[in-house]
Amino acid sequence: MRKGTICYVDLNSGHGIIKDENEQKIQFFLMELQEEIRLNDEISFEIELTARGLAATKIHLVSTAELTSQ
């Protein structure tokens, strides 16, 4: 699992961008989300090749406890 931060969300187009730990920007699609996310949320995710190219999938919020245990 990779970790990153939600840095952009466009509700009109249905996509957003995650900035990962290496400062790489990765797109994601709102229809794939299982949880409500907000800008600057810390998340974990995987990357998959989709019909629209590489995208973050299996996005989950990282709890405060997970962040402090590292």
PDB file of N, CA and C in Angstrom:
ATOM      1  N   MET A   1       0.831  -1.187   0.000  1.00  0.00           N
ATOM      2  CA  MET A   1       0.000   0.000   0.000  1.00  0.00           C
ATOM      3  C   MET A   1       0.874   1.247   0.000  1.00  0.00           C
ATOM      4  N   ARG A   2       0.482   2.205  -0.798  1.00  0.00           N
ATOM      5  CA  ARG A   2       1.161   3.499  -0.810  1.00  0.00           C
ATOM      6  C   ARG A   2       0.391   4.455   0.082  1.00  0.00           C
ATOM      7  N   LYS A   3       1.039   5.533   0.479  1.00  0.00           N
ATOM      8  CA  LYS A   3       0.385   6.550   1.298  1.00  0.00           C
ATOM      9  C   LYS A   3       0.540   7.897   0.631  1.00  0.00           C
ATOM     10  N   GLY A   4      -0.428   8.775   0.880  1.00  0.00           N
ATOM     11  CA  GLY A   4      -0.383  10.102   0.294  1.00  0.00           C
ATOM     12  C   GLY A   4      -1.425  11.010   0.909  1.00  0.00           C
ATOM     13  N   THR A   5      -1.614  12.160   0.258  1.00  0.00           N
ATOM     14  CA  THR A   5      -2.531  13.187   0.725  1.00  0.00           C
ATOM     15  C   THR A   5      -3.422  13.620  -0.435  1.00  0.00           C
ATOM     16  N   ILE A   6      -4.709  13.804  -0.153  1.00  0.00           N
ATOM     17  CA  ILE A   6      -5.627  14.325  -1.162  1.00  0.00           C
ATOM     18  C   ILE A   6      -5.283  15.796  -1.385  1.00  0.00           C
ATOM     19  N   CYS A   7      -4.896  16.150  -2.609  1.00  0.00           N
ATOM     20  CA  CYS A   7      -4.510  17.543  -2.864  1.00  0.00           C
ATOM     21  C   CYS A   7      -5.454  18.257  -3.825  1.00  0.00           C
ATOM     22  N   TYR A   8      -6.385  17.524  -4.458  1.00  0.00           N
ATOM     23  CA  TYR A   8      -7.319  18.154  -5.385  1.00  0.00           C
ATOM     24  C   TYR A   8      -8.528  17.250  -5.555  1.00  0.00           C
ATOM     25  N   VAL A   9      -9.731  17.850  -5.552  1.00  0.00           N
ATOM     26  CA  VAL A   9     -10.966  17.115  -5.822  1.00  0.00           C
ATOM     27  C   VAL A   9     -11.857  17.990  -6.688  1.00  0.00           C
ATOM     28  N   ASP A  10     -12.357  17.437  -7.793  1.00  0.00           N
ATOM     29  CA  ASP A  10     -13.279  18.145  -8.672  1.00  0.00           C
ATOM     30  C   ASP A  10     -14.587  17.359  -8.735  1.00  0.00           C
ATOM     31  N   LEU A  11     -15.578  17.823  -7.988  1.00  0.00           N
ATOM     32  CA  LEU A  11     -16.856  17.121  -7.935  1.00  0.00           C
ATOM     33  C   LEU A  11     -17.576  17.120  -9.272  1.00  0.00           C
ATOM     34  N   ASN A  12     -17.378  18.153 -10.083  1.00  0.00           N
ATOM     35  CA  ASN A  12     -18.046  18.238 -11.382  1.00  0.00           C
ATOM     36  C   ASN A  12     -17.536  17.193 -12.369  1.00  0.00           C
ATOM     37  N   SER A  13     -16.226  16.974 -12.391  1.00  0.00           N
ATOM     38  CA  SER A  13     -15.668  15.998 -13.330  1.00  0.00           C
ATOM     39  C   SER A  13     -15.543  14.603 -12.721  1.00  0.00           C
ATOM     40  N   GLY A  14     -15.668  14.506 -11.387  1.00  0.00           N
ATOM     41  CA  GLY A  14     -15.641  13.199 -10.739  1.00  0.00           C
ATOM     42  C   GLY A  14     -14.262  12.615 -10.526  1.00  0.00           C
ATOM     43  N   HIS A  15     -13.249  13.463 -10.457  1.00  0.00           N
ATOM     44  CA  HIS A  15     -11.906  12.934 -10.212  1.00  0.00           C
ATOM     45  C   HIS A  15     -11.162  13.829  -9.223  1.00  0.00           C
ATOM     46  N   GLY A  16     -10.020  13.333  -8.799  1.00  0.00           N
ATOM     47  CA  GLY A  16      -9.165  14.086  -7.903  1.00  0.00           C
ATOM     48  C   GLY A  16      -7.728  13.668  -8.078  1.00  0.00           C
ATOM     49  N   ILE A  17      -6.859  14.277  -7.272  1.00  0.00           N
ATOM     50  CA  ILE A  17      -5.430  13.979  -7.359  1.00  0.00           C
ATOM     51  C   ILE A  17      -4.883  13.753  -5.953  1.00  0.00           C
ATOM     52  N   ILE A  18      -4.046  12.750  -5.854  1.00  0.00           N
ATOM     53  CA  ILE A  18      -3.334  12.412  -4.617  1.00  0.00           C
ATOM     54  C   ILE A  18      -1.867  12.750  -4.837  1.00  0.00           C
ATOM     55  N   LYS A  19      -1.236  13.335  -3.829  1.00  0.00           N
ATOM     56  CA  LYS A  19       0.213  13.516  -3.862  1.00  0.00           C
ATOM     57  C   LYS A  19       0.784  12.463  -2.923  1.00  0.00           C
ATOM     58  N   ASP A  20       1.597  11.549  -3.469  1.00  0.00           N
ATOM     59  CA  ASP A  20       2.127  10.464  -2.644  1.00  0.00           C
ATOM     60  C   ASP A  20       3.373  10.897  -1.874  1.00  0.00           C
ATOM     61  N   GLU A  21       3.954   9.968  -1.147  1.00  0.00           N
ATOM     62  CA  GLU A  21       5.115  10.259  -0.300  1.00  0.00           C
ATOM     63  C   GLU A  21       6.327  10.741  -1.090  1.00  0.00           C
ATOM     64  N   ASN A  22       6.367  10.425  -2.385  1.00  0.00           N
ATOM     65  CA  ASN A  22       7.481  10.835  -3.253  1.00  0.00           C
ATOM     66  C   ASN A  22       7.148  12.082  -4.061  1.00  0.00           C
ATOM     67  N   GLU A  23       6.088  12.784  -3.684  1.00  0.00           N
ATOM     68  CA  GLU A  23       5.634  14.002  -4.371  1.00  0.00           C
ATOM     69  C   GLU A  23       5.078  13.719  -5.768  1.00  0.00           C
ATOM     70  N   GLN A  24       4.823  12.446  -6.088  1.00  0.00           N
ATOM     71  CA  GLN A  24       4.218  12.086  -7.370  1.00  0.00           C
ATOM     72  C   GLN A  24       2.715  12.328  -7.283  1.00  0.00           C
ATOM     73  N   LYS A  25       2.124  12.858  -8.357  1.00  0.00           N
ATOM     74  CA  LYS A  25       0.687  13.105  -8.390  1.00  0.00           C
ATOM     75  C   LYS A  25      -0.003  11.973  -9.138  1.00  0.00           C
ATOM     76  N   ILE A  26      -1.049  11.423  -8.520  1.00  0.00           N
ATOM     77  CA  ILE A  26      -1.758  10.270  -9.054  1.00  0.00           C
ATOM     78  C   ILE A  26      -3.247  10.589  -9.058  1.00  0.00           C
ATOM     79  N   GLN A  27      -3.904  10.342 -10.186  1.00  0.00           N
ATOM     80  CA  GLN A  27      -5.332  10.622 -10.262  1.00  0.00           C
ATOM     81  C   GLN A  27      -6.149   9.521  -9.586  1.00  0.00           C
ATOM     82  N   PHE A  28      -7.369   9.868  -9.192  1.00  0.00           N
ATOM     83  CA  PHE A  28      -8.328   8.894  -8.701  1.00  0.00           C
ATOM     84  C   PHE A  28      -9.715   9.336  -9.139  1.00  0.00           C
ATOM     85  N   PHE A  29     -10.655   8.418  -9.099  1.00  0.00           N
ATOM     86  CA  PHE A  29     -12.011   8.699  -9.546  1.00  0.00           C
ATOM     87  C   PHE A  29     -12.963   8.566  -8.365  1.00  0.00           C
ATOM     88  N   LEU A  30     -13.814   9.582  -8.186  1.00  0.00           N
ATOM     89  CA  LEU A  30     -14.706   9.628  -7.034  1.00  0.00           C
ATOM     90  C   LEU A  30     -15.642   8.428  -6.970  1.00  0.00           C
ATOM     91  N   MET A  31     -16.035   7.878  -8.109  1.00  0.00           N
ATOM     92  CA  MET A  31     -16.947   6.728  -8.105  1.00  0.00           C
ATOM     93  C   MET A  31     -16.302   5.491  -7.478  1.00  0.00           C
ATOM     94  N   GLU A  32     -14.974   5.474  -7.351  1.00  0.00           N
ATOM     95  CA  GLU A  32     -14.258   4.348  -6.766  1.00  0.00           C
ATOM     96  C   GLU A  32     -14.194   4.408  -5.230  1.00  0.00           C
ATOM     97  N   LEU A  33     -14.536   5.556  -4.663  1.00  0.00           N
ATOM     98  CA  LEU A  33     -14.360   5.754  -3.218  1.00  0.00           C
ATOM     99  C   LEU A  33     -15.381   4.984  -2.401  1.00  0.00           C
ATOM    100  N   GLN A  34     -14.919   4.402  -1.296  1.00  0.00           N
ATOM    101  CA  GLN A  34     -15.786   3.716  -0.347  1.00  0.00           C
ATOM    102  C   GLN A  34     -16.025   4.571   0.899  1.00  0.00           C
ATOM    103  N   GLU A  35     -15.220   5.623   1.060  1.00  0.00           N
ATOM    104  CA  GLU A  35     -15.296   6.502   2.216  1.00  0.00           C
ATOM    105  C   GLU A  35     -15.339   7.951   1.753  1.00  0.00           C
ATOM    106  N   GLU A  36     -15.896   8.822   2.589  1.00  0.00           N
ATOM    107  CA  GLU A  36     -15.884  10.250   2.272  1.00  0.00           C
ATOM    108  C   GLU A  36     -14.481  10.794   2.532  1.00  0.00           C
ATOM    109  N   ILE A  37     -13.963  11.538   1.585  1.00  0.00           N
ATOM    110  CA  ILE A  37     -12.635  12.139   1.732  1.00  0.00           C
ATOM    111  C   ILE A  37     -12.730  13.642   1.575  1.00  0.00           C
ATOM    112  N   ARG A  38     -11.722  14.327   2.104  1.00  0.00           N
ATOM    113  CA  ARG A  38     -11.638  15.785   2.009  1.00  0.00           C
ATOM    114  C   ARG A  38     -10.207  16.164   1.624  1.00  0.00           C
ATOM    115  N   LEU A  39     -10.047  17.403   1.187  1.00  0.00           N
ATOM    116  CA  LEU A  39      -8.704  17.898   0.901  1.00  0.00           C
ATOM    117  C   LEU A  39      -7.817  17.735   2.128  1.00  0.00           C
ATOM    118  N   ASN A  40      -6.576  17.384   1.892  1.00  0.00           N
ATOM    119  CA  ASN A  40      -5.536  17.210   2.911  1.00  0.00           C
ATOM    120  C   ASN A  40      -5.706  15.966   3.778  1.00  0.00           C
ATOM    121  N   ASP A  41      -6.702  15.109   3.480  1.00  0.00           N
ATOM    122  CA  ASP A  41      -6.821  13.837   4.203  1.00  0.00           C
ATOM    123  C   ASP A  41      -5.622  12.953   3.878  1.00  0.00           C
ATOM    124  N   GLU A  42      -5.099  12.285   4.887  1.00  0.00           N
ATOM    125  CA  GLU A  42      -4.038  11.289   4.698  1.00  0.00           C
ATOM    126  C   GLU A  42      -4.725   9.974   4.337  1.00  0.00           C
ATOM    127  N   ILE A  43      -4.256   9.347   3.260  1.00  0.00           N
ATOM    128  CA  ILE A  43      -4.897   8.121   2.789  1.00  0.00           C
ATOM    129  C   ILE A  43      -3.854   7.070   2.416  1.00  0.00           C
ATOM    130  N   SER A  44      -4.330   5.829   2.319  1.00  0.00           N
ATOM    131  CA  SER A  44      -3.518   4.752   1.749  1.00  0.00           C
ATOM    132  C   SER A  44      -4.237   4.304   0.484  1.00  0.00           C
ATOM    133  N   PHE A  45      -3.488   3.759  -0.467  1.00  0.00           N
ATOM    134  CA  PHE A  45      -4.086   3.397  -1.755  1.00  0.00           C
ATOM    135  C   PHE A  45      -3.181   2.445  -2.508  1.00  0.00           C
ATOM    136  N   GLU A  46      -3.727   1.876  -3.567  1.00  0.00           N
ATOM    137  CA  GLU A  46      -2.961   1.072  -4.508  1.00  0.00           C
ATOM    138  C   GLU A  46      -3.071   1.735  -5.879  1.00  0.00           C
ATOM    139  N   ILE A  47      -2.181   1.386  -6.780  1.00  0.00           N
ATOM    140  CA  ILE A  47      -2.229   1.929  -8.145  1.00  0.00           C
ATOM    141  C   ILE A  47      -2.539   0.785  -9.100  1.00  0.00           C
ATOM    142  N   GLU A  48      -3.484   1.054 -10.007  1.00  0.00           N
ATOM    143  CA  GLU A  48      -3.862   0.067 -11.013  1.00  0.00           C
ATOM    144  C   GLU A  48      -3.965   0.734 -12.372  1.00  0.00           C
ATOM    145  N   LEU A  49      -3.805  -0.048 -13.410  1.00  0.00           N
ATOM    146  CA  LEU A  49      -4.014   0.432 -14.769  1.00  0.00           C
ATOM    147  C   LEU A  49      -5.494   0.294 -15.075  1.00  0.00           C
ATOM    148  N   THR A  50      -6.167   1.413 -15.296  1.00  0.00           N
ATOM    149  CA  THR A  50      -7.602   1.421 -15.598  1.00  0.00           C
ATOM    150  C   THR A  50      -7.793   1.773 -17.069  1.00  0.00           C
ATOM    151  N   ALA A  51      -9.033   1.799 -17.499  1.00  0.00           N
ATOM    152  CA  ALA A  51      -9.343   2.187 -18.871  1.00  0.00           C
ATOM    153  C   ALA A  51      -8.920   3.632 -19.136  1.00  0.00           C
ATOM    154  N   ARG A  52      -8.801   4.442 -18.076  1.00  0.00           N
ATOM    155  CA  ARG A  52      -8.396   5.850 -18.198  1.00  0.00           C
ATOM    156  C   ARG A  52      -6.922   6.065 -17.874  1.00  0.00           C
ATOM    157  N   GLY A  53      -6.154   5.004 -17.759  1.00  0.00           N
ATOM    158  CA  GLY A  53      -4.731   5.114 -17.440  1.00  0.00           C
ATOM    159  C   GLY A  53      -4.463   4.723 -15.996  1.00  0.00           C
ATOM    160  N   LEU A  54      -3.263   5.015 -15.504  1.00  0.00           N
ATOM    161  CA  LEU A  54      -2.919   4.695 -14.117  1.00  0.00           C
ATOM    162  C   LEU A  54      -3.761   5.533 -13.170  1.00  0.00           C
ATOM    163  N   ALA A  55      -4.271   4.873 -12.129  1.00  0.00           N
ATOM    164  CA  ALA A  55      -5.113   5.581 -11.169  1.00  0.00           C
ATOM    165  C   ALA A  55      -4.999   4.913  -9.807  1.00  0.00           C
ATOM    166  N   ALA A  56      -5.217   5.712  -8.779  1.00  0.00           N
ATOM    167  CA  ALA A  56      -5.252   5.188  -7.414  1.00  0.00           C
ATOM    168  C   ALA A  56      -6.577   4.467  -7.199  1.00  0.00           C
ATOM    169  N   THR A  57      -6.511   3.310  -6.556  1.00  0.00           N
ATOM    170  CA  THR A  57      -7.702   2.534  -6.226  1.00  0.00           C
ATOM    171  C   THR A  57      -7.580   2.068  -4.776  1.00  0.00           C
ATOM    172  N   LYS A  58      -8.632   1.473  -4.267  1.00  0.00           N
ATOM    173  CA  LYS A  58      -8.655   0.948  -2.889  1.00  0.00           C
ATOM    174  C   LYS A  58      -8.180   2.020  -1.909  1.00  0.00           C
ATOM    175  N   ILE A  59      -8.771   3.203  -2.034  1.00  0.00           N
ATOM    176  CA  ILE A  59      -8.392   4.362  -1.224  1.00  0.00           C
ATOM    177  C   ILE A  59      -9.078   4.272   0.141  1.00  0.00           C
ATOM    178  N   HIS A  60      -8.270   4.416   1.195  1.00  0.00           N
ATOM    179  CA  HIS A  60      -8.797   4.376   2.559  1.00  0.00           C
ATOM    180  C   HIS A  60      -8.163   5.485   3.382  1.00  0.00           C
ATOM    181  N   LEU A  61      -8.965   6.104   4.241  1.00  0.00           N
ATOM    182  CA  LEU A  61      -8.438   7.091   5.170  1.00  0.00           C
ATOM    183  C   LEU A  61      -7.473   6.427   6.129  1.00  0.00           C
ATOM    184  N   VAL A  62      -6.387   7.104   6.437  1.00  0.00           N
ATOM    185  CA  VAL A  62      -5.414   6.602   7.421  1.00  0.00           C
ATOM    186  C   VAL A  62      -5.783   7.237   8.750  1.00  0.00           C
ATOM    187  N   SER A  63      -6.005   6.418   9.763  1.00  0.00           N
ATOM    188  CA  SER A  63      -6.387   6.938  11.053  1.00  0.00           C
ATOM    189  C   SER A  63      -5.214   7.623  11.746  1.00  0.00           C
ATOM    190  N   THR A  64      -5.507   8.476  12.701  1.00  0.00           N
ATOM    191  CA  THR A  64      -4.470   9.171  13.468  1.00  0.00           C
ATOM    192  C   THR A  64      -3.591   8.148  14.185  1.00  0.00           C
ATOM    193  N   ALA A  65      -4.168   7.077  14.676  1.00  0.00           N
ATOM    194  CA  ALA A  65      -3.394   6.047  15.374  1.00  0.00           C
ATOM    195  C   ALA A  65      -2.376   5.408  14.436  1.00  0.00           C
ATOM    196  N   GLU A  66      -2.754   5.167  13.189  1.00  0.00           N
ATOM    197  CA  GLU A  66      -1.822   4.599  12.216  1.00  0.00           C
ATOM    198  C   GLU A  66      -0.677   5.553  11.923  1.00  0.00           C
ATOM    199  N   LEU A  67      -0.963   6.843  11.862  1.00  0.00           N
ATOM    200  CA  LEU A  67       0.077   7.819  11.566  1.00  0.00           C
ATOM    201  C   LEU A  67       1.096   7.922  12.706  1.00  0.00           C
ATOM    202  N   THR A  68       0.635   7.864  13.954  1.00  0.00           N
ATOM    203  CA  THR A  68       1.541   8.034  15.091  1.00  0.00           C
ATOM    204  C   THR A  68       2.304   6.761  15.413  1.00  0.00           C
ATOM    205  N   SER A  69       1.859   5.608  14.922  1.00  0.00           N
ATOM    206  CA  SER A  69       2.551   4.355  15.234  1.00  0.00           C
ATOM    207  C   SER A  69       3.734   4.101  14.310  1.00  0.00           C
ATOM    208  N   GLN A  70       3.956   4.967  13.315  1.00  0.00           N
ATOM    209  CA  GLN A  70       5.043   4.734  12.355  1.00  0.00           C
ATOM    210  C   GLN A  70       6.300   5.429  12.771  1.00  0.00           C
TER     211      GLN A  70
END
